[in-house]
Amino acid sequence: SRRRSPVDPGDQVTLCVRPEGFALGPDVERLGPGDTTLEATVETCEFLGDAYRVHCDWEGRTLLVKTNADRAPAGAVRLGFRTDDVHLLGE
């Protein structure tokens, strides 16, 4: 018998990337050809002492990014993540 793949074409899924799994700005250039990049807008930014917690809007969804950038990101930003850092949540 044929095993069903965890996800079939057309299925809706929820993906998770940990906040520190996102690359921001110039760090996106270090990602590989099979990885994902997208454009988002910074909504709020919190200084954590050694890093920033950045809340971004991407197509009506909030993405939480943790970065150790030298200064707080603002406005339109480029984000990316490695395919290996993606987790599929429940079915």
PDB file of N, CA and C in Angstrom:
ATOM      1  N   SER A   1       0.831  -1.183   0.000  1.00  0.00           N
ATOM      2  CA  SER A   1       0.000   0.000   0.000  1.00  0.00           C
ATOM      3  C   SER A   1       0.873   1.242   0.000  1.00  0.00           C
ATOM      4  N   ARG A   2       0.320   2.297  -0.534  1.00  0.00           N
ATOM      5  CA  ARG A   2       1.041   3.565  -0.642  1.00  0.00           C
ATOM      6  C   ARG A   2       0.865   4.392   0.618  1.00  0.00           C
ATOM      7  N   ARG A   3       1.964   4.914   1.150  1.00  0.00           N
ATOM      8  CA  ARG A   3       1.890   5.782   2.327  1.00  0.00           C
ATOM      9  C   ARG A   3       1.471   7.172   1.907  1.00  0.00           C
ATOM     10  N   ARG A   4       0.594   7.764   2.675  1.00  0.00           N
ATOM     11  CA  ARG A   4       0.179   9.145   2.428  1.00  0.00           C
ATOM     12  C   ARG A   4       1.271  10.070   2.933  1.00  0.00           C
ATOM     13  N   SER A   5       1.638  11.045   2.100  1.00  0.00           N
ATOM     14  CA  SER A   5       2.623  12.022   2.548  1.00  0.00           C
ATOM     15  C   SER A   5       1.982  12.889   3.624  1.00  0.00           C
ATOM     16  N   PRO A   6       2.794  13.493   4.498  1.00  0.00           N
ATOM     17  CA  PRO A   6       2.214  14.322   5.554  1.00  0.00           C
ATOM     18  C   PRO A   6       1.412  15.504   5.011  1.00  0.00           C
ATOM     19  N   VAL A   7       1.762  15.960   3.814  1.00  0.00           N
ATOM     20  CA  VAL A   7       1.068  17.098   3.213  1.00  0.00           C
ATOM     21  C   VAL A   7       0.859  16.799   1.735  1.00  0.00           C
ATOM     22  N   ASP A   8      -0.361  16.985   1.275  1.00  0.00           N
ATOM     23  CA  ASP A   8      -0.678  16.815  -0.138  1.00  0.00           C
ATOM     24  C   ASP A   8      -0.886  18.182  -0.778  1.00  0.00           C
ATOM     25  N   PRO A   9      -0.678  18.285  -2.097  1.00  0.00           N
ATOM     26  CA  PRO A   9      -0.923  19.564  -2.780  1.00  0.00           C
ATOM     27  C   PRO A   9      -2.335  20.060  -2.480  1.00  0.00           C
ATOM     28  N   GLY A  10      -2.433  21.338  -2.143  1.00  0.00           N
ATOM     29  CA  GLY A  10      -3.727  21.954  -1.844  1.00  0.00           C
ATOM     30  C   GLY A  10      -4.094  21.935  -0.368  1.00  0.00           C
ATOM     31  N   ASP A  11      -3.395  21.137   0.444  1.00  0.00           N
ATOM     32  CA  ASP A  11      -3.666  21.115   1.888  1.00  0.00           C
ATOM     33  C   ASP A  11      -3.263  22.437   2.520  1.00  0.00           C
ATOM     34  N   GLN A  12      -4.044  22.894   3.499  1.00  0.00           N
ATOM     35  CA  GLN A  12      -3.636  24.051   4.293  1.00  0.00           C
ATOM     36  C   GLN A  12      -2.814  23.540   5.462  1.00  0.00           C
ATOM     37  N   VAL A  13      -1.694  24.191   5.713  1.00  0.00           N
ATOM     38  CA  VAL A  13      -0.811  23.780   6.795  1.00  0.00           C
ATOM     39  C   VAL A  13      -0.381  24.996   7.601  1.00  0.00           C
ATOM     40  N   THR A  14       0.106  24.744   8.803  1.00  0.00           N
ATOM     41  CA  THR A  14       0.694  25.783   9.623  1.00  0.00           C
ATOM     42  C   THR A  14       2.171  25.470   9.776  1.00  0.00           C
ATOM     43  N   LEU A  15       2.990  26.440   9.417  1.00  0.00           N
ATOM     44  CA  LEU A  15       4.431  26.286   9.527  1.00  0.00           C
ATOM     45  C   LEU A  15       4.931  27.132  10.687  1.00  0.00           C
ATOM     46  N   CYS A  16       5.995  26.678  11.308  1.00  0.00           N
ATOM     47  CA  CYS A  16       6.594  27.406  12.417  1.00  0.00           C
ATOM     48  C   CYS A  16       8.086  27.576  12.167  1.00  0.00           C
ATOM     49  N   VAL A  17       8.571  28.796  12.368  1.00  0.00           N
ATOM     50  CA  VAL A  17      10.003  29.092  12.349  1.00  0.00           C
ATOM     51  C   VAL A  17      10.280  29.840  13.644  1.00  0.00           C
ATOM     52  N   ARG A  18      11.233  29.349  14.422  1.00  0.00           N
ATOM     53  CA  ARG A  18      11.568  30.016  15.686  1.00  0.00           C
ATOM     54  C   ARG A  18      12.063  31.441  15.402  1.00  0.00           C
ATOM     55  N   PRO A  19      11.800  32.398  16.295  1.00  0.00           N
ATOM     56  CA  PRO A  19      12.202  33.787  16.054  1.00  0.00           C
ATOM     57  C   PRO A  19      13.686  33.941  15.701  1.00  0.00           C
ATOM     58  N   GLU A  20      14.556  33.162  16.346  1.00  0.00           N
ATOM     59  CA  GLU A  20      15.987  33.255  16.039  1.00  0.00           C
ATOM     60  C   GLU A  20      16.345  32.535  14.743  1.00  0.00           C
ATOM     61  N   GLY A  21      15.396  31.817  14.146  1.00  0.00           N
ATOM     62  CA  GLY A  21      15.623  31.139  12.871  1.00  0.00           C
ATOM     63  C   GLY A  21      15.529  32.070  11.669  1.00  0.00           C
ATOM     64  N   PHE A  22      14.991  33.263  11.869  1.00  0.00           N
ATOM     65  CA  PHE A  22      14.873  34.230  10.779  1.00  0.00           C
ATOM     66  C   PHE A  22      16.177  34.995  10.587  1.00  0.00           C
ATOM     67  N   ALA A  23      16.528  35.209   9.343  1.00  0.00           N
ATOM     68  CA  ALA A  23      17.609  36.129   8.989  1.00  0.00           C
ATOM     69  C   ALA A  23      16.943  37.454   8.643  1.00  0.00           C
ATOM     70  N   LEU A  24      17.605  38.553   8.956  1.00  0.00           N
ATOM     71  CA  LEU A  24      17.035  39.883   8.730  1.00  0.00           C
ATOM     72  C   LEU A  24      18.046  40.747   8.007  1.00  0.00           C
ATOM     73  N   GLY A  25      17.598  41.507   7.019  1.00  0.00           N
ATOM     74  CA  GLY A  25      18.468  42.445   6.310  1.00  0.00           C
ATOM     75  C   GLY A  25      19.640  41.775   5.624  1.00  0.00           C
ATOM     76  N   PRO A  26      20.864  42.246   5.879  1.00  0.00           N
ATOM     77  CA  PRO A  26      22.050  41.710   5.194  1.00  0.00           C
ATOM     78  C   PRO A  26      22.288  40.217   5.455  1.00  0.00           C
ATOM     79  N   ASP A  27      21.819  39.698   6.600  1.00  0.00           N
ATOM     80  CA  ASP A  27      21.999  38.278   6.902  1.00  0.00           C
ATOM     81  C   ASP A  27      21.252  37.379   5.918  1.00  0.00           C
ATOM     82  N   VAL A  28      20.261  37.922   5.236  1.00  0.00           N
ATOM     83  CA  VAL A  28      19.490  37.143   4.257  1.00  0.00           C
ATOM     84  C   VAL A  28      20.399  36.684   3.118  1.00  0.00           C
ATOM     85  N   GLU A  29      21.422  37.467   2.806  1.00  0.00           N
ATOM     86  CA  GLU A  29      22.332  37.124   1.708  1.00  0.00           C
ATOM     87  C   GLU A  29      23.088  35.822   1.959  1.00  0.00           C
ATOM     88  N   ARG A  30      23.171  35.395   3.206  1.00  0.00           N
ATOM     89  CA  ARG A  30      23.892  34.157   3.549  1.00  0.00           C
ATOM     90  C   ARG A  30      23.047  32.904   3.373  1.00  0.00           C
ATOM     91  N   LEU A  31      21.778  33.070   3.060  1.00  0.00           N
ATOM     92  CA  LEU A  31      20.909  31.915   2.867  1.00  0.00           C
ATOM     93  C   LEU A  31      21.223  31.234   1.535  1.00  0.00           C
ATOM     94  N   GLY A  32      20.846  29.966   1.434  1.00  0.00           N
ATOM     95  CA  GLY A  32      21.110  29.191   0.225  1.00  0.00           C
ATOM     96  C   GLY A  32      20.000  29.309  -0.805  1.00  0.00           C
ATOM     97  N   PRO A  33      20.209  28.729  -1.989  1.00  0.00           N
ATOM     98  CA  PRO A  33      19.240  28.835  -3.074  1.00  0.00           C
ATOM     99  C   PRO A  33      17.895  28.163  -2.789  1.00  0.00           C
ATOM    100  N   GLY A  34      17.829  27.168  -1.911  1.00  0.00           N
ATOM    101  CA  GLY A  34      16.564  26.502  -1.607  1.00  0.00           C
ATOM    102  C   GLY A  34      15.823  27.108  -0.439  1.00  0.00           C
ATOM    103  N   ASP A  35      16.362  28.181   0.127  1.00  0.00           N
ATOM    104  CA  ASP A  35      15.752  28.802   1.298  1.00  0.00           C
ATOM    105  C   ASP A  35      14.726  29.861   0.888  1.00  0.00           C
ATOM    106  N   THR A  36      14.002  30.394   1.850  1.00  0.00           N
ATOM    107  CA  THR A  36      12.882  31.300   1.574  1.00  0.00           C
ATOM    108  C   THR A  36      13.200  32.722   2.013  1.00  0.00           C
ATOM    109  N   THR A  37      12.857  33.698   1.168  1.00  0.00           N
ATOM    110  CA  THR A  37      12.959  35.107   1.536  1.00  0.00           C
ATOM    111  C   THR A  37      11.610  35.771   1.292  1.00  0.00           C
ATOM    112  N   LEU A  38      11.341  36.825   2.043  1.00  0.00           N
ATOM    113  CA  LEU A  38      10.089  37.558   1.885  1.00  0.00           C
ATOM    114  C   LEU A  38      10.263  38.982   2.378  1.00  0.00           C
ATOM    115  N   GLU A  39       9.353  39.827   1.981  1.00  0.00           N
ATOM    116  CA  GLU A  39       9.349  41.237   2.409  1.00  0.00           C
ATOM    117  C   GLU A  39       8.279  41.409   3.483  1.00  0.00           C
ATOM    118  N   ALA A  40       8.621  42.119   4.544  1.00  0.00           N
ATOM    119  CA  ALA A  40       7.689  42.364   5.642  1.00  0.00           C
ATOM    120  C   ALA A  40       7.866  43.800   6.127  1.00  0.00           C
ATOM    121  N   THR A  41       6.978  44.218   7.018  1.00  0.00           N
ATOM    122  CA  THR A  41       7.041  45.561   7.593  1.00  0.00           C
ATOM    123  C   THR A  41       7.126  45.457   9.109  1.00  0.00           C
ATOM    124  N   VAL A  42       8.081  46.157   9.694  1.00  0.00           N
ATOM    125  CA  VAL A  42       8.242  46.161  11.150  1.00  0.00           C
ATOM    126  C   VAL A  42       7.076  46.914  11.767  1.00  0.00           C
ATOM    127  N   GLU A  43       6.383  46.263  12.701  1.00  0.00           N
ATOM    128  CA  GLU A  43       5.290  46.904  13.431  1.00  0.00           C
ATOM    129  C   GLU A  43       5.790  47.470  14.755  1.00  0.00           C
ATOM    130  N   THR A  44       6.505  46.653  15.538  1.00  0.00           N
ATOM    131  CA  THR A  44       7.095  47.102  16.797  1.00  0.00           C
ATOM    132  C   THR A  44       8.432  46.398  16.990  1.00  0.00           C
ATOM    133  N   CYS A  45       9.252  46.995  17.831  1.00  0.00           N
ATOM    134  CA  CYS A  45      10.577  46.441  18.090  1.00  0.00           C
ATOM    135  C   CYS A  45      10.895  46.654  19.567  1.00  0.00           C
ATOM    136  N   GLU A  46      11.359  45.593  20.241  1.00  0.00           N
ATOM    137  CA  GLU A  46      11.691  45.675  21.661  1.00  0.00           C
ATOM    138  C   GLU A  46      13.174  45.350  21.849  1.00  0.00           C
ATOM    139  N   PHE A  47      13.868  46.172  22.604  1.00  0.00           N
ATOM    140  CA  PHE A  47      15.267  45.909  22.911  1.00  0.00           C
ATOM    141  C   PHE A  47      15.333  44.955  24.091  1.00  0.00           C
ATOM    142  N   LEU A  48      16.064  43.853  23.964  1.00  0.00           N
ATOM    143  CA  LEU A  48      16.157  42.835  25.001  1.00  0.00           C
ATOM    144  C   LEU A  48      17.473  42.883  25.768  1.00  0.00           C
ATOM    145  N   GLY A  49      18.332  43.826  25.463  1.00  0.00           N
ATOM    146  CA  GLY A  49      19.630  43.932  26.109  1.00  0.00           C
ATOM    147  C   GLY A  49      20.742  43.422  25.215  1.00  0.00           C
ATOM    148  N   ASP A  50      20.569  42.218  24.682  1.00  0.00           N
ATOM    149  CA  ASP A  50      21.571  41.649  23.781  1.00  0.00           C
ATOM    150  C   ASP A  50      21.019  41.408  22.377  1.00  0.00           C
ATOM    151  N   ALA A  51      19.736  41.691  22.182  1.00  0.00           N
ATOM    152  CA  ALA A  51      19.085  41.447  20.891  1.00  0.00           C
ATOM    153  C   ALA A  51      17.810  42.293  20.813  1.00  0.00           C
ATOM    154  N   TYR A  52      17.171  42.255  19.657  1.00  0.00           N
ATOM    155  CA  TYR A  52      15.881  42.912  19.462  1.00  0.00           C
ATOM    156  C   TYR A  52      14.837  41.848  19.147  1.00  0.00           C
ATOM    157  N   ARG A  53      13.652  42.006  19.728  1.00  0.00           N
ATOM    158  CA  ARG A  53      12.492  41.197  19.356  1.00  0.00           C
ATOM    159  C   ARG A  53      11.666  42.082  18.429  1.00  0.00           C
ATOM    160  N   VAL A  54      11.488  41.626  17.205  1.00  0.00           N
ATOM    161  CA  VAL A  54      10.856  42.431  16.168  1.00  0.00           C
ATOM    162  C   VAL A  54       9.553  41.768  15.731  1.00  0.00           C
ATOM    163  N   HIS A  55       8.462  42.522  15.806  1.00  0.00           N
ATOM    164  CA  HIS A  55       7.160  42.050  15.356  1.00  0.00           C
ATOM    165  C   HIS A  55       6.944  42.617  13.950  1.00  0.00           C
ATOM    166  N   CYS A  56       6.834  41.728  12.969  1.00  0.00           N
ATOM    167  CA  CYS A  56       6.687  42.151  11.571  1.00  0.00           C
ATOM    168  C   CYS A  56       5.344  41.726  11.014  1.00  0.00           C
ATOM    169  N   ASP A  57       4.811  42.523  10.111  1.00  0.00           N
ATOM    170  CA  ASP A  57       3.598  42.164   9.383  1.00  0.00           C
ATOM    171  C   ASP A  57       4.005  41.622   8.023  1.00  0.00           C
ATOM    172  N   TRP A  58       3.525  40.427   7.688  1.00  0.00           N
ATOM    173  CA  TRP A  58       3.734  39.838   6.365  1.00  0.00           C
ATOM    174  C   TRP A  58       2.389  39.357   5.861  1.00  0.00           C
ATOM    175  N   GLU A  59       1.834  40.077   4.911  1.00  0.00           N
ATOM    176  CA  GLU A  59       0.559  39.730   4.277  1.00  0.00           C
ATOM    177  C   GLU A  59      -0.534  39.469   5.311  1.00  0.00           C
ATOM    178  N   GLY A  60      -0.606  40.356   6.332  1.00  0.00           N
ATOM    179  CA  GLY A  60      -1.653  40.249   7.344  1.00  0.00           C
ATOM    180  C   GLY A  60      -1.347  39.268   8.467  1.00  0.00           C
ATOM    181  N   ARG A  61      -0.182  38.669   8.449  1.00  0.00           N
ATOM    182  CA  ARG A  61       0.234  37.744   9.516  1.00  0.00           C
ATOM    183  C   ARG A  61       1.405  38.357  10.279  1.00  0.00           C
ATOM    184  N   THR A  62       1.448  38.098  11.574  1.00  0.00           N
ATOM    185  CA  THR A  62       2.547  38.605  12.375  1.00  0.00           C
ATOM    186  C   THR A  62       3.661  37.572  12.436  1.00  0.00           C
ATOM    187  N   LEU A  63       4.870  37.994  12.123  1.00  0.00           N
ATOM    188  CA  LEU A  63       6.059  37.161  12.243  1.00  0.00           C
ATOM    189  C   LEU A  63       6.909  37.736  13.358  1.00  0.00           C
ATOM    190  N   LEU A  64       7.381  36.881  14.249  1.00  0.00           N
ATOM    191  CA  LEU A  64       8.223  37.307  15.359  1.00  0.00           C
ATOM    192  C   LEU A  64       9.662  36.933  15.036  1.00  0.00           C
ATOM    193  N   VAL A  65      10.543  37.942  15.047  1.00  0.00           N
ATOM    194  CA  VAL A  65      11.944  37.767  14.666  1.00  0.00           C
ATOM    195  C   VAL A  65      12.830  38.205  15.824  1.00  0.00           C
ATOM    196  N   LYS A  66      13.865  37.434  16.108  1.00  0.00           N
ATOM    197  CA  LYS A  66      14.860  37.848  17.096  1.00  0.00           C
ATOM    198  C   LYS A  66      16.165  38.076  16.356  1.00  0.00           C
ATOM    199  N   THR A  67      16.744  39.263  16.530  1.00  0.00           N
ATOM    200  CA  THR A  67      17.973  39.607  15.824  1.00  0.00           C
ATOM    201  C   THR A  67      18.948  40.315  16.750  1.00  0.00           C
ATOM    202  N   ASN A  68      20.217  40.107  16.521  1.00  0.00           N
ATOM    203  CA  ASN A  68      21.231  40.834  17.292  1.00  0.00           C
ATOM    204  C   ASN A  68      21.818  41.969  16.461  1.00  0.00           C
ATOM    205  N   ALA A  69      20.986  42.573  15.620  1.00  0.00           N
ATOM    206  CA  ALA A  69      21.397  43.718  14.803  1.00  0.00           C
ATOM    207  C   ALA A  69      21.914  44.842  15.694  1.00  0.00           C
ATOM    208  N   ASP A  70      22.763  45.684  15.124  1.00  0.00           N
ATOM    209  CA  ASP A  70      23.335  46.804  15.872  1.00  0.00           C
ATOM    210  C   ASP A  70      22.305  47.859  16.250  1.00  0.00           C
ATOM    211  N   ARG A  71      21.278  48.021  15.414  1.00  0.00           N
ATOM    212  CA  ARG A  71      20.211  48.970  15.745  1.00  0.00           C
ATOM    213  C   ARG A  71      18.854  48.387  15.410  1.00  0.00           C
ATOM    214  N   ALA A  72      17.850  48.997  15.974  1.00  0.00           N
ATOM    215  CA  ALA A  72      16.490  48.502  15.803  1.00  0.00           C
ATOM    216  C   ALA A  72      16.056  48.624  14.345  1.00  0.00           C
ATOM    217  N   PRO A  73      15.601  47.544  13.740  1.00  0.00           N
ATOM    218  CA  PRO A  73      15.088  47.639  12.373  1.00  0.00           C
ATOM    219  C   PRO A  73      13.758  48.389  12.365  1.00  0.00           C
ATOM    220  N   ALA A  74      13.463  49.020  11.245  1.00  0.00           N
ATOM    221  CA  ALA A  74      12.214  49.770  11.100  1.00  0.00           C
ATOM    222  C   ALA A  74      11.777  49.740   9.654  1.00  0.00           C
ATOM    223  N   GLY A  75      10.483  49.974   9.427  1.00  0.00           N
ATOM    224  CA  GLY A  75       9.948  50.054   8.074  1.00  0.00           C
ATOM    225  C   GLY A  75       9.955  48.717   7.359  1.00  0.00           C
ATOM    226  N   ALA A  76      10.128  48.777   6.032  1.00  0.00           N
ATOM    227  CA  ALA A  76      10.153  47.570   5.207  1.00  0.00           C
ATOM    228  C   ALA A  76      11.475  46.837   5.420  1.00  0.00           C
ATOM    229  N   VAL A  77      11.399  45.523   5.640  1.00  0.00           N
ATOM    230  CA  VAL A  77      12.595  44.704   5.851  1.00  0.00           C
ATOM    231  C   VAL A  77      12.508  43.443   5.002  1.00  0.00           C
ATOM    232  N   ARG A  78      13.665  42.890   4.724  1.00  0.00           N
ATOM    233  CA  ARG A  78      13.747  41.609   4.022  1.00  0.00           C
ATOM    234  C   ARG A  78      14.064  40.538   5.059  1.00  0.00           C
ATOM    235  N   LEU A  79      13.259  39.477   5.082  1.00  0.00           N
ATOM    236  CA  LEU A  79      13.434  38.366   6.011  1.00  0.00           C
ATOM    237  C   LEU A  79      13.721  37.098   5.223  1.00  0.00           C
ATOM    238  N   GLY A  80      14.321  36.146   5.885  1.00  0.00           N
ATOM    239  CA  GLY A  80      14.539  34.857   5.253  1.00  0.00           C
ATOM    240  C   GLY A  80      14.715  33.782   6.294  1.00  0.00           C
ATOM    241  N   PHE A  81      14.548  32.539   5.864  1.00  0.00           N
ATOM    242  CA  PHE A  81      14.788  31.411   6.759  1.00  0.00           C
ATOM    243  C   PHE A  81      15.196  30.200   5.942  1.00  0.00           C
ATOM    244  N   ARG A  82      15.967  29.345   6.610  1.00  0.00           N
ATOM    245  CA  ARG A  82      16.429  28.114   5.970  1.00  0.00           C
ATOM    246  C   ARG A  82      15.301  27.090   5.982  1.00  0.00           C
ATOM    247  N   THR A  83      15.190  26.343   4.910  1.00  0.00           N
ATOM    248  CA  THR A  83      14.169  25.311   4.810  1.00  0.00           C
ATOM    249  C   THR A  83      14.270  24.333   5.976  1.00  0.00           C
ATOM    250  N   ASP A  84      15.488  24.030   6.409  1.00  0.00           N
ATOM    251  CA  ASP A  84      15.695  23.104   7.533  1.00  0.00           C
ATOM    252  C   ASP A  84      15.142  23.630   8.852  1.00  0.00           C
ATOM    253  N   ASP A  85      14.894  24.932   8.956  1.00  0.00           N
ATOM    254  CA  ASP A  85      14.390  25.525  10.188  1.00  0.00           C
ATOM    255  C   ASP A  85      12.860  25.564  10.261  1.00  0.00           C
ATOM    256  N   VAL A  86      12.173  25.034   9.253  1.00  0.00           N
ATOM    257  CA  VAL A  86      10.716  25.049   9.204  1.00  0.00           C
ATOM    258  C   VAL A  86      10.178  23.789   9.887  1.00  0.00           C
ATOM    259  N   HIS A  87       9.179  23.992  10.734  1.00  0.00           N
ATOM    260  CA  HIS A  87       8.503  22.881  11.401  1.00  0.00           C
ATOM    261  C   HIS A  87       7.031  22.892  11.006  1.00  0.00           C
ATOM    262  N   LEU A  88       6.497  21.747  10.647  1.00  0.00           N
ATOM    263  CA  LEU A  88       5.088  21.592  10.315  1.00  0.00           C
ATOM    264  C   LEU A  88       4.345  21.282  11.595  1.00  0.00           C
ATOM    265  N   LEU A  89       3.316  22.083  11.894  1.00  0.00           N
ATOM    266  CA  LEU A  89       2.548  21.888  13.117  1.00  0.00           C
ATOM    267  C   LEU A  89       1.271  21.119  12.824  1.00  0.00           C
ATOM    268  N   GLY A  90       1.029  20.070  13.587  1.00  0.00           N
ATOM    269  CA  GLY A  90      -0.201  19.296  13.553  1.00  0.00           C
ATOM    270  C   GLY A  90      -0.888  19.167  12.210  1.00  0.00           C
ATOM    271  N   GLU A  91      -1.828  18.290  12.149  1.00  0.00           N
ATOM    272  CA  GLU A  91      -2.608  18.129  10.915  1.00  0.00           C
ATOM    273  C   GLU A  91      -4.005  18.592  11.139  1.00  0.00           C
TER     274      GLU A  91
END
